[in-house]
Amino acid sequence: MNKIDRLILKAKEAARGGQELTVAIIERSGNSWTAQAHLSDGVPGHIPSIKQAAYTTLEAAVAYIRAIADEYPNSQDVPVIIDDMG
C-alpha cells in the first residue's frame, strides 16, 4: 500500500470516529429481512454499536450492509452471516 492510500485510510478513520464494521448479520423475520451491522472502535471492553434496518428483500438488506461497509471500512475481512433457517 502506498503512502497516499495509508493517508486516505487514516483520514476516513478520523472522520468516522475510529469505528469499523466488525460483523454483519442478516436474518429473515417473517416476510422481511433484518440487517444488523456491528461497529467497533477496536478498544477491548467497549461495547460495539449496532446499526439495524428492516427490508422486504434479501438484496436490499445486502445492499444496506455493503453501504455500511463502505462508510465504516475494516482493514480485515468482515464476516457477513445470512440466517435463512427460520
PDB file of N, CA and C in Angstrom:
ATOM      1  N   MET A   1       0.850  -1.174   0.000  1.00  0.00           N
ATOM      2  CA  MET A   1       0.000   0.000   0.000  1.00  0.00           C
ATOM      3  C   MET A   1       0.895   1.237   0.000  1.00  0.00           C
ATOM      4  N   ASN A   2       0.600   2.162  -0.858  1.00  0.00           N
ATOM      5  CA  ASN A   2       1.467   3.337  -0.915  1.00  0.00           C
ATOM      6  C   ASN A   2       1.059   4.374   0.130  1.00  0.00           C
ATOM      7  N   LYS A   3       1.857   5.389   0.251  1.00  0.00           N
ATOM      8  CA  LYS A   3       1.673   6.397   1.297  1.00  0.00           C
ATOM      9  C   LYS A   3       0.341   7.129   1.165  1.00  0.00           C
ATOM     10  N   ILE A   4      -0.075   7.433  -0.040  1.00  0.00           N
ATOM     11  CA  ILE A   4      -1.342   8.148  -0.245  1.00  0.00           C
ATOM     12  C   ILE A   4      -2.524   7.293   0.226  1.00  0.00           C
ATOM     13  N   ASP A   5      -2.501   5.997  -0.082  1.00  0.00           N
ATOM     14  CA  ASP A   5      -3.565   5.099   0.374  1.00  0.00           C
ATOM     15  C   ASP A   5      -3.638   5.072   1.897  1.00  0.00           C
ATOM     16  N   ARG A   6      -2.493   5.014   2.560  1.00  0.00           N
ATOM     17  CA  ARG A   6      -2.477   5.000   4.032  1.00  0.00           C
ATOM     18  C   ARG A   6      -3.039   6.300   4.587  1.00  0.00           C
ATOM     19  N   LEU A   7      -2.707   7.409   3.972  1.00  0.00           N
ATOM     20  CA  LEU A   7      -3.231   8.699   4.429  1.00  0.00           C
ATOM     21  C   LEU A   7      -4.738   8.789   4.236  1.00  0.00           C
ATOM     22  N   ILE A   8      -5.224   8.261   3.134  1.00  0.00           N
ATOM     23  CA  ILE A   8      -6.672   8.259   2.892  1.00  0.00           C
ATOM     24  C   ILE A   8      -7.383   7.415   3.954  1.00  0.00           C
ATOM     25  N   LEU A   9      -6.839   6.244   4.273  1.00  0.00           N
ATOM     26  CA  LEU A   9      -7.433   5.394   5.306  1.00  0.00           C
ATOM     27  C   LEU A   9      -7.424   6.085   6.664  1.00  0.00           C
ATOM     28  N   LYS A  10      -6.345   6.765   7.004  1.00  0.00           N
ATOM     29  CA  LYS A  10      -6.276   7.489   8.278  1.00  0.00           C
ATOM     30  C   LYS A  10      -7.315   8.608   8.325  1.00  0.00           C
ATOM     31  N   ALA A  11      -7.495   9.309   7.226  1.00  0.00           N
ATOM     32  CA  ALA A  11      -8.477  10.394   7.176  1.00  0.00           C
ATOM     33  C   ALA A  11      -9.895   9.854   7.329  1.00  0.00           C
ATOM     34  N   LYS A  12     -10.191   8.733   6.664  1.00  0.00           N
ATOM     35  CA  LYS A  12     -11.514   8.125   6.799  1.00  0.00           C
ATOM     36  C   LYS A  12     -11.762   7.660   8.226  1.00  0.00           C
ATOM     37  N   GLU A  13     -10.737   7.087   8.855  1.00  0.00           N
ATOM     38  CA  GLU A  13     -10.875   6.620  10.231  1.00  0.00           C
ATOM     39  C   GLU A  13     -11.154   7.783  11.174  1.00  0.00           C
ATOM     40  N   ALA A  14     -10.453   8.876  10.994  1.00  0.00           N
ATOM     41  CA  ALA A  14     -10.664  10.046  11.834  1.00  0.00           C
ATOM     42  C   ALA A  14     -12.063  10.619  11.639  1.00  0.00           C
ATOM     43  N   ALA A  15     -12.548  10.607  10.416  1.00  0.00           N
ATOM     44  CA  ALA A  15     -13.873  11.159  10.115  1.00  0.00           C
ATOM     45  C   ALA A  15     -14.997  10.327  10.710  1.00  0.00           C
ATOM     46  N   ARG A  16     -14.810   9.020  10.824  1.00  0.00           N
ATOM     47  CA  ARG A  16     -15.880   8.170  11.337  1.00  0.00           C
ATOM     48  C   ARG A  16     -15.727   7.873  12.819  1.00  0.00           C
ATOM     49  N   GLY A  17     -14.791   8.505  13.499  1.00  0.00           N
ATOM     50  CA  GLY A  17     -14.626   8.305  14.924  1.00  0.00           C
ATOM     51  C   GLY A  17     -13.894   7.029  15.280  1.00  0.00           C
ATOM     52  N   GLY A  18     -13.162   6.454  14.343  1.00  0.00           N
ATOM     53  CA  GLY A  18     -12.387   5.262  14.619  1.00  0.00           C
ATOM     54  C   GLY A  18     -13.183   3.975  14.592  1.00  0.00           C
ATOM     55  N   GLN A  19     -14.453   4.024  14.251  1.00  0.00           N
ATOM     56  CA  GLN A  19     -15.253   2.806  14.207  1.00  0.00           C
ATOM     57  C   GLN A  19     -15.095   2.115  12.859  1.00  0.00           C
ATOM     58  N   GLU A  20     -15.217   0.782  12.908  1.00  0.00           N
ATOM     59  CA  GLU A  20     -15.184  -0.004  11.680  1.00  0.00           C
ATOM     60  C   GLU A  20     -16.158  -1.166  11.803  1.00  0.00           C
ATOM     61  N   LEU A  21     -16.629  -1.631  10.675  1.00  0.00           N
ATOM     62  CA  LEU A  21     -17.548  -2.763  10.636  1.00  0.00           C
ATOM     63  C   LEU A  21     -16.799  -4.019  11.059  1.00  0.00           C
ATOM     64  N   THR A  22     -17.344  -4.737  12.047  1.00  0.00           N
ATOM     65  CA  THR A  22     -16.680  -5.953  12.522  1.00  0.00           C
ATOM     66  C   THR A  22     -17.446  -7.214  12.158  1.00  0.00           C
ATOM     67  N   VAL A  23     -18.769  -7.145  12.117  1.00  0.00           N
ATOM     68  CA  VAL A  23     -19.576  -8.295  11.705  1.00  0.00           C
ATOM     69  C   VAL A  23     -20.929  -7.778  11.233  1.00  0.00           C
ATOM     70  N   ALA A  24     -21.525  -8.484  10.297  1.00  0.00           N
ATOM     71  CA  ALA A  24     -22.853  -8.135   9.802  1.00  0.00           C
ATOM     72  C   ALA A  24     -23.732  -9.376   9.843  1.00  0.00           C
ATOM     73  N   ILE A  25     -24.968  -9.192  10.258  1.00  0.00           N
ATOM     74  CA  ILE A  25     -25.920 -10.297  10.354  1.00  0.00           C
ATOM     75  C   ILE A  25     -27.190  -9.906   9.614  1.00  0.00           C
ATOM     76  N   ILE A  26     -27.657 -10.798   8.754  1.00  0.00           N
ATOM     77  CA  ILE A  26     -28.931 -10.593   8.061  1.00  0.00           C
ATOM     78  C   ILE A  26     -29.827 -11.766   8.439  1.00  0.00           C
ATOM     79  N   GLU A  27     -30.983 -11.463   9.032  1.00  0.00           N
ATOM     80  CA  GLU A  27     -31.905 -12.503   9.484  1.00  0.00           C
ATOM     81  C   GLU A  27     -33.256 -12.339   8.822  1.00  0.00           C
ATOM     82  N   ARG A  28     -33.864 -13.457   8.513  1.00  0.00           N
ATOM     83  CA  ARG A  28     -35.217 -13.444   7.984  1.00  0.00           C
ATOM     84  C   ARG A  28     -36.184 -13.382   9.158  1.00  0.00           C
ATOM     85  N   SER A  29     -37.169 -12.516   9.043  1.00  0.00           N
ATOM     86  CA  SER A  29     -38.181 -12.369  10.080  1.00  0.00           C
ATOM     87  C   SER A  29     -39.535 -12.286   9.395  1.00  0.00           C
ATOM     88  N   GLY A  30     -40.206 -13.431   9.251  1.00  0.00           N
ATOM     89  CA  GLY A  30     -41.463 -13.457   8.513  1.00  0.00           C
ATOM     90  C   GLY A  30     -41.219 -13.190   7.047  1.00  0.00           C
ATOM     91  N   ASN A  31     -41.830 -12.125   6.537  1.00  0.00           N
ATOM     92  CA  ASN A  31     -41.667 -11.758   5.127  1.00  0.00           C
ATOM     93  C   ASN A  31     -40.627 -10.668   4.914  1.00  0.00           C
ATOM     94  N   SER A  32     -39.868 -10.336   5.952  1.00  0.00           N
ATOM     95  CA  SER A  32     -38.870  -9.271   5.813  1.00  0.00           C
ATOM     96  C   SER A  32     -37.500  -9.776   6.251  1.00  0.00           C
ATOM     97  N   TRP A  33     -36.500  -8.948   5.999  1.00  0.00           N
ATOM     98  CA  TRP A  33     -35.115  -9.245   6.356  1.00  0.00           C
ATOM     99  C   TRP A  33     -34.596  -8.124   7.243  1.00  0.00           C
ATOM    100  N   THR A  34     -33.943  -8.492   8.336  1.00  0.00           N
ATOM    101  CA  THR A  34     -33.345  -7.515   9.237  1.00  0.00           C
ATOM    102  C   THR A  34     -31.833  -7.567   9.069  1.00  0.00           C
ATOM    103  N   ALA A  35     -31.249  -6.425   8.776  1.00  0.00           N
ATOM    104  CA  ALA A  35     -29.795  -6.316   8.603  1.00  0.00           C
ATOM    105  C   ALA A  35     -29.215  -5.599   9.814  1.00  0.00           C
ATOM    106  N   GLN A  36     -28.205  -6.205  10.424  1.00  0.00           N
ATOM    107  CA  GLN A  36     -27.518  -5.611  11.568  1.00  0.00           C
ATOM    108  C   GLN A  36     -26.043  -5.470  11.242  1.00  0.00           C
ATOM    109  N   ALA A  37     -25.513  -4.287  11.493  1.00  0.00           N
ATOM    110  CA  ALA A  37     -24.090  -4.030  11.286  1.00  0.00           C
ATOM    111  C   ALA A  37     -23.490  -3.668  12.643  1.00  0.00           C
ATOM    112  N   HIS A  38     -22.519  -4.458  13.085  1.00  0.00           N
ATOM    113  CA  HIS A  38     -21.849  -4.211  14.362  1.00  0.00           C
ATOM    114  C   HIS A  38     -20.599  -3.386  14.096  1.00  0.00           C
ATOM    115  N   LEU A  39     -20.524  -2.222  14.754  1.00  0.00           N
ATOM    116  CA  LEU A  39     -19.408  -1.299  14.573  1.00  0.00           C
ATOM    117  C   LEU A  39     -18.600  -1.227  15.857  1.00  0.00           C
ATOM    118  N   SER A  40     -17.293  -1.334  15.739  1.00  0.00           N
ATOM    119  CA  SER A  40     -16.429  -1.331  16.910  1.00  0.00           C
ATOM    120  C   SER A  40     -15.293  -0.338  16.721  1.00  0.00           C
ATOM    121  N   ASP A  41     -14.846   0.215  17.851  1.00  0.00           N
ATOM    122  CA  ASP A  41     -13.684   1.107  17.797  1.00  0.00           C
ATOM    123  C   ASP A  41     -12.387   0.352  18.054  1.00  0.00           C
ATOM    124  N   GLY A  42     -12.485  -0.958  18.292  1.00  0.00           N
ATOM    125  CA  GLY A  42     -11.306  -1.786  18.477  1.00  0.00           C
ATOM    126  C   GLY A  42     -10.714  -1.767  19.867  1.00  0.00           C
ATOM    127  N   VAL A  43     -11.339  -1.028  20.788  1.00  0.00           N
ATOM    128  CA  VAL A  43     -10.827  -0.950  22.152  1.00  0.00           C
ATOM    129  C   VAL A  43     -11.444  -2.080  22.979  1.00  0.00           C
ATOM    130  N   PRO A  44     -10.618  -2.949  23.568  1.00  0.00           N
ATOM    131  CA  PRO A  44     -11.145  -4.046  24.374  1.00  0.00           C
ATOM    132  C   PRO A  44     -12.046  -3.522  25.503  1.00  0.00           C
ATOM    133  N   GLY A  45     -13.183  -4.166  25.671  1.00  0.00           N
ATOM    134  CA  GLY A  45     -14.125  -3.767  26.719  1.00  0.00           C
ATOM    135  C   GLY A  45     -15.193  -2.792  26.256  1.00  0.00           C
ATOM    136  N   HIS A  46     -14.983  -2.125  25.135  1.00  0.00           N
ATOM    137  CA  HIS A  46     -16.006  -1.214  24.612  1.00  0.00           C
ATOM    138  C   HIS A  46     -17.097  -2.021  23.922  1.00  0.00           C
ATOM    139  N   ILE A  47     -18.323  -1.642  24.154  1.00  0.00           N
ATOM    140  CA  ILE A  47     -19.458  -2.326  23.543  1.00  0.00           C
ATOM    141  C   ILE A  47     -19.650  -1.789  22.126  1.00  0.00           C
ATOM    142  N   PRO A  48     -19.761  -2.675  21.138  1.00  0.00           N
ATOM    143  CA  PRO A  48     -19.957  -2.190  19.767  1.00  0.00           C
ATOM    144  C   PRO A  48     -21.324  -1.550  19.601  1.00  0.00           C
ATOM    145  N   SER A  49     -21.397  -0.574  18.732  1.00  0.00           N
ATOM    146  CA  SER A  49     -22.702  -0.008  18.392  1.00  0.00           C
ATOM    147  C   SER A  49     -23.283  -0.838  17.250  1.00  0.00           C
ATOM    148  N   ILE A  50     -24.610  -0.858  17.176  1.00  0.00           N
ATOM    149  CA  ILE A  50     -25.291  -1.676  16.172  1.00  0.00           C
ATOM    150  C   ILE A  50     -26.221  -0.798  15.359  1.00  0.00           C
ATOM    151  N   LYS A  51     -26.043  -0.834  14.048  1.00  0.00           N
ATOM    152  CA  LYS A  51     -26.973  -0.182  13.121  1.00  0.00           C
ATOM    153  C   LYS A  51     -27.878  -1.279  12.586  1.00  0.00           C
ATOM    154  N   GLN A  52     -29.177  -1.030  12.601  1.00  0.00           N
ATOM    155  CA  GLN A  52     -30.125  -2.065  12.206  1.00  0.00           C
ATOM    156  C   GLN A  52     -31.210  -1.458  11.321  1.00  0.00           C
ATOM    157  N   ALA A  53     -31.646  -2.236  10.332  1.00  0.00           N
ATOM    158  CA  ALA A  53     -32.716  -1.799   9.440  1.00  0.00           C
ATOM    159  C   ALA A  53     -33.435  -3.028   8.897  1.00  0.00           C
ATOM    160  N   ALA A  54     -34.717  -2.868   8.578  1.00  0.00           N
ATOM    161  CA  ALA A  54     -35.518  -3.970   8.030  1.00  0.00           C
ATOM    162  C   ALA A  54     -35.834  -3.685   6.561  1.00  0.00           C
ATOM    163  N   TYR A  55     -35.840  -4.760   5.767  1.00  0.00           N
ATOM    164  CA  TYR A  55     -36.082  -4.652   4.324  1.00  0.00           C
ATOM    165  C   TYR A  55     -37.002  -5.770   3.870  1.00  0.00           C
ATOM    166  N   THR A  56     -37.663  -5.559   2.742  1.00  0.00           N
ATOM    167  CA  THR A  56     -38.578  -6.567   2.216  1.00  0.00           C
ATOM    168  C   THR A  56     -37.863  -7.629   1.389  1.00  0.00           C
ATOM    169  N   THR A  57     -36.639  -7.340   0.940  1.00  0.00           N
ATOM    170  CA  THR A  57     -35.893  -8.330   0.142  1.00  0.00           C
ATOM    171  C   THR A  57     -34.493  -8.534   0.722  1.00  0.00           C
ATOM    172  N   LEU A  58     -33.954  -9.712   0.475  1.00  0.00           N
ATOM    173  CA  LEU A  58     -32.588 -10.014   0.881  1.00  0.00           C
ATOM    174  C   LEU A  58     -31.603  -9.104   0.155  1.00  0.00           C
ATOM    175  N   GLU A  59     -31.851  -8.837  -1.107  1.00  0.00           N
ATOM    176  CA  GLU A  59     -30.953  -7.995  -1.897  1.00  0.00           C
ATOM    177  C   GLU A  59     -30.830  -6.596  -1.296  1.00  0.00           C
ATOM    178  N   ALA A  60     -31.939  -6.039  -0.819  1.00  0.00           N
ATOM    179  CA  ALA A  60     -31.912  -4.705  -0.205  1.00  0.00           C
ATOM    180  C   ALA A  60     -31.134  -4.732   1.107  1.00  0.00           C
ATOM    181  N   ALA A  61     -31.287  -5.799   1.877  1.00  0.00           N
ATOM    182  CA  ALA A  61     -30.549  -5.933   3.133  1.00  0.00           C
ATOM    183  C   ALA A  61     -29.050  -6.044   2.874  1.00  0.00           C
ATOM    184  N   VAL A  62     -28.666  -6.806   1.860  1.00  0.00           N
ATOM    185  CA  VAL A  62     -27.251  -6.936   1.497  1.00  0.00           C
ATOM    186  C   VAL A  62     -26.704  -5.590   1.019  1.00  0.00           C
ATOM    187  N   ALA A  63     -27.487  -4.842   0.253  1.00  0.00           N
ATOM    188  CA  ALA A  63     -27.057  -3.523  -0.216  1.00  0.00           C
ATOM    189  C   ALA A  63     -26.823  -2.581   0.966  1.00  0.00           C
ATOM    190  N   TYR A  64     -27.671  -2.672   1.990  1.00  0.00           N
ATOM    191  CA  TYR A  64     -27.500  -1.856   3.196  1.00  0.00           C
ATOM    192  C   TYR A  64     -26.167  -2.190   3.872  1.00  0.00           C
ATOM    193  N   ILE A  65     -25.877  -3.482   4.017  1.00  0.00           N
ATOM    194  CA  ILE A  65     -24.620  -3.900   4.646  1.00  0.00           C
ATOM    195  C   ILE A  65     -23.423  -3.430   3.815  1.00  0.00           C
ATOM    196  N   ARG A  66     -23.532  -3.511   2.510  1.00  0.00           N
ATOM    197  CA  ARG A  66     -22.431  -3.030   1.648  1.00  0.00           C
ATOM    198  C   ARG A  66     -22.210  -1.534   1.821  1.00  0.00           C
ATOM    199  N   ALA A  67     -23.296  -0.764   1.963  1.00  0.00           N
ATOM    200  CA  ALA A  67     -23.175   0.680   2.165  1.00  0.00           C
ATOM    201  C   ALA A  67     -22.506   0.982   3.507  1.00  0.00           C
ATOM    202  N   ILE A  68     -22.867   0.218   4.536  1.00  0.00           N
ATOM    203  CA  ILE A  68     -22.233   0.394   5.847  1.00  0.00           C
ATOM    204  C   ILE A  68     -20.745   0.040   5.756  1.00  0.00           C
ATOM    205  N   ALA A  69     -20.427  -1.030   5.019  1.00  0.00           N
ATOM    206  CA  ALA A  69     -19.031  -1.431   4.857  1.00  0.00           C
ATOM    207  C   ALA A  69     -18.224  -0.349   4.141  1.00  0.00           C
ATOM    208  N   ASP A  70     -18.843   0.357   3.208  1.00  0.00           N
ATOM    209  CA  ASP A  70     -18.159   1.457   2.528  1.00  0.00           C
ATOM    210  C   ASP A  70     -17.949   2.638   3.475  1.00  0.00           C
ATOM    211  N   GLU A  71     -18.944   2.879   4.346  1.00  0.00           N
ATOM    212  CA  GLU A  71     -18.872   4.009   5.276  1.00  0.00           C
ATOM    213  C   GLU A  71     -17.908   3.726   6.437  1.00  0.00           C
ATOM    214  N   TYR A  72     -17.866   2.474   6.896  1.00  0.00           N
ATOM    215  CA  TYR A  72     -17.023   2.071   8.029  1.00  0.00           C
ATOM    216  C   TYR A  72     -16.104   0.923   7.607  1.00  0.00           C
ATOM    217  N   PRO A  73     -15.144   1.170   6.735  1.00  0.00           N
ATOM    218  CA  PRO A  73     -14.299   0.086   6.224  1.00  0.00           C
ATOM    219  C   PRO A  73     -13.462  -0.558   7.325  1.00  0.00           C
ATOM    220  N   ASN A  74     -13.146  -1.812   7.120  1.00  0.00           N
ATOM    221  CA  ASN A  74     -12.332  -2.571   8.049  1.00  0.00           C
ATOM    222  C   ASN A  74     -11.063  -3.002   7.329  1.00  0.00           C
ATOM    223  N   SER A  75      -9.979  -3.099   8.067  1.00  0.00           N
ATOM    224  CA  SER A  75      -8.708  -3.484   7.466  1.00  0.00           C
ATOM    225  C   SER A  75      -8.589  -4.994   7.271  1.00  0.00           C
ATOM    226  N   GLN A  76      -9.569  -5.747   7.771  1.00  0.00           N
ATOM    227  CA  GLN A  76      -9.560  -7.199   7.648  1.00  0.00           C
ATOM    228  C   GLN A  76     -10.864  -7.650   6.991  1.00  0.00           C
ATOM    229  N   ASP A  77     -10.946  -8.944   6.686  1.00  0.00           N
ATOM    230  CA  ASP A  77     -12.199  -9.473   6.153  1.00  0.00           C
ATOM    231  C   ASP A  77     -13.287  -9.403   7.217  1.00  0.00           C
ATOM    232  N   VAL A  78     -14.501  -9.103   6.797  1.00  0.00           N
ATOM    233  CA  VAL A  78     -15.633  -8.982   7.715  1.00  0.00           C
ATOM    234  C   VAL A  78     -16.624 -10.087   7.393  1.00  0.00           C
ATOM    235  N   PRO A  79     -16.962 -10.913   8.398  1.00  0.00           N
ATOM    236  CA  PRO A  79     -17.960 -11.964   8.136  1.00  0.00           C
ATOM    237  C   PRO A  79     -19.355 -11.363   7.991  1.00  0.00           C
ATOM    238  N   VAL A  80     -20.080 -11.845   7.000  1.00  0.00           N
ATOM    239  CA  VAL A  80     -21.484 -11.486   6.826  1.00  0.00           C
ATOM    240  C   VAL A  80     -22.270 -12.785   6.994  1.00  0.00           C
ATOM    241  N   ILE A  81     -23.115 -12.817   8.017  1.00  0.00           N
ATOM    242  CA  ILE A  81     -23.887 -14.003   8.342  1.00  0.00           C
ATOM    243  C   ILE A  81     -25.310 -13.796   7.843  1.00  0.00           C
ATOM    244  N   ILE A  82     -25.788 -14.694   6.978  1.00  0.00           N
ATOM    245  CA  ILE A  82     -27.163 -14.626   6.481  1.00  0.00           C
ATOM    246  C   ILE A  82     -27.907 -15.818   7.043  1.00  0.00           C
ATOM    247  N   ASP A  83     -28.898 -15.541   7.920  1.00  0.00           N
ATOM    248  CA  ASP A  83     -29.673 -16.571   8.592  1.00  0.00           C
ATOM    249  C   ASP A  83     -31.009 -16.725   7.878  1.00  0.00           C
ATOM    250  N   ASP A  84     -31.132 -17.782   7.100  1.00  0.00           N
ATOM    251  CA  ASP A  84     -32.350 -18.077   6.358  1.00  0.00           C
ATOM    252  C   ASP A  84     -32.937 -19.410   6.821  1.00  0.00           C
ATOM    253  N   MET A  85     -32.723 -19.739   8.084  1.00  0.00           N
ATOM    254  CA  MET A  85     -33.135 -21.032   8.580  1.00  0.00           C
ATOM    255  C   MET A  85     -34.499 -21.007   9.263  1.00  0.00           C
ATOM    256  N   GLY A  86     -35.015 -19.811   9.545  1.00  0.00           N
ATOM    257  CA  GLY A  86     -36.255 -19.713  10.311  1.00  0.00           C
ATOM    258  C   GLY A  86     -37.412 -19.581   9.442  1.00  0.00           C
TER     259      GLY A  86
END
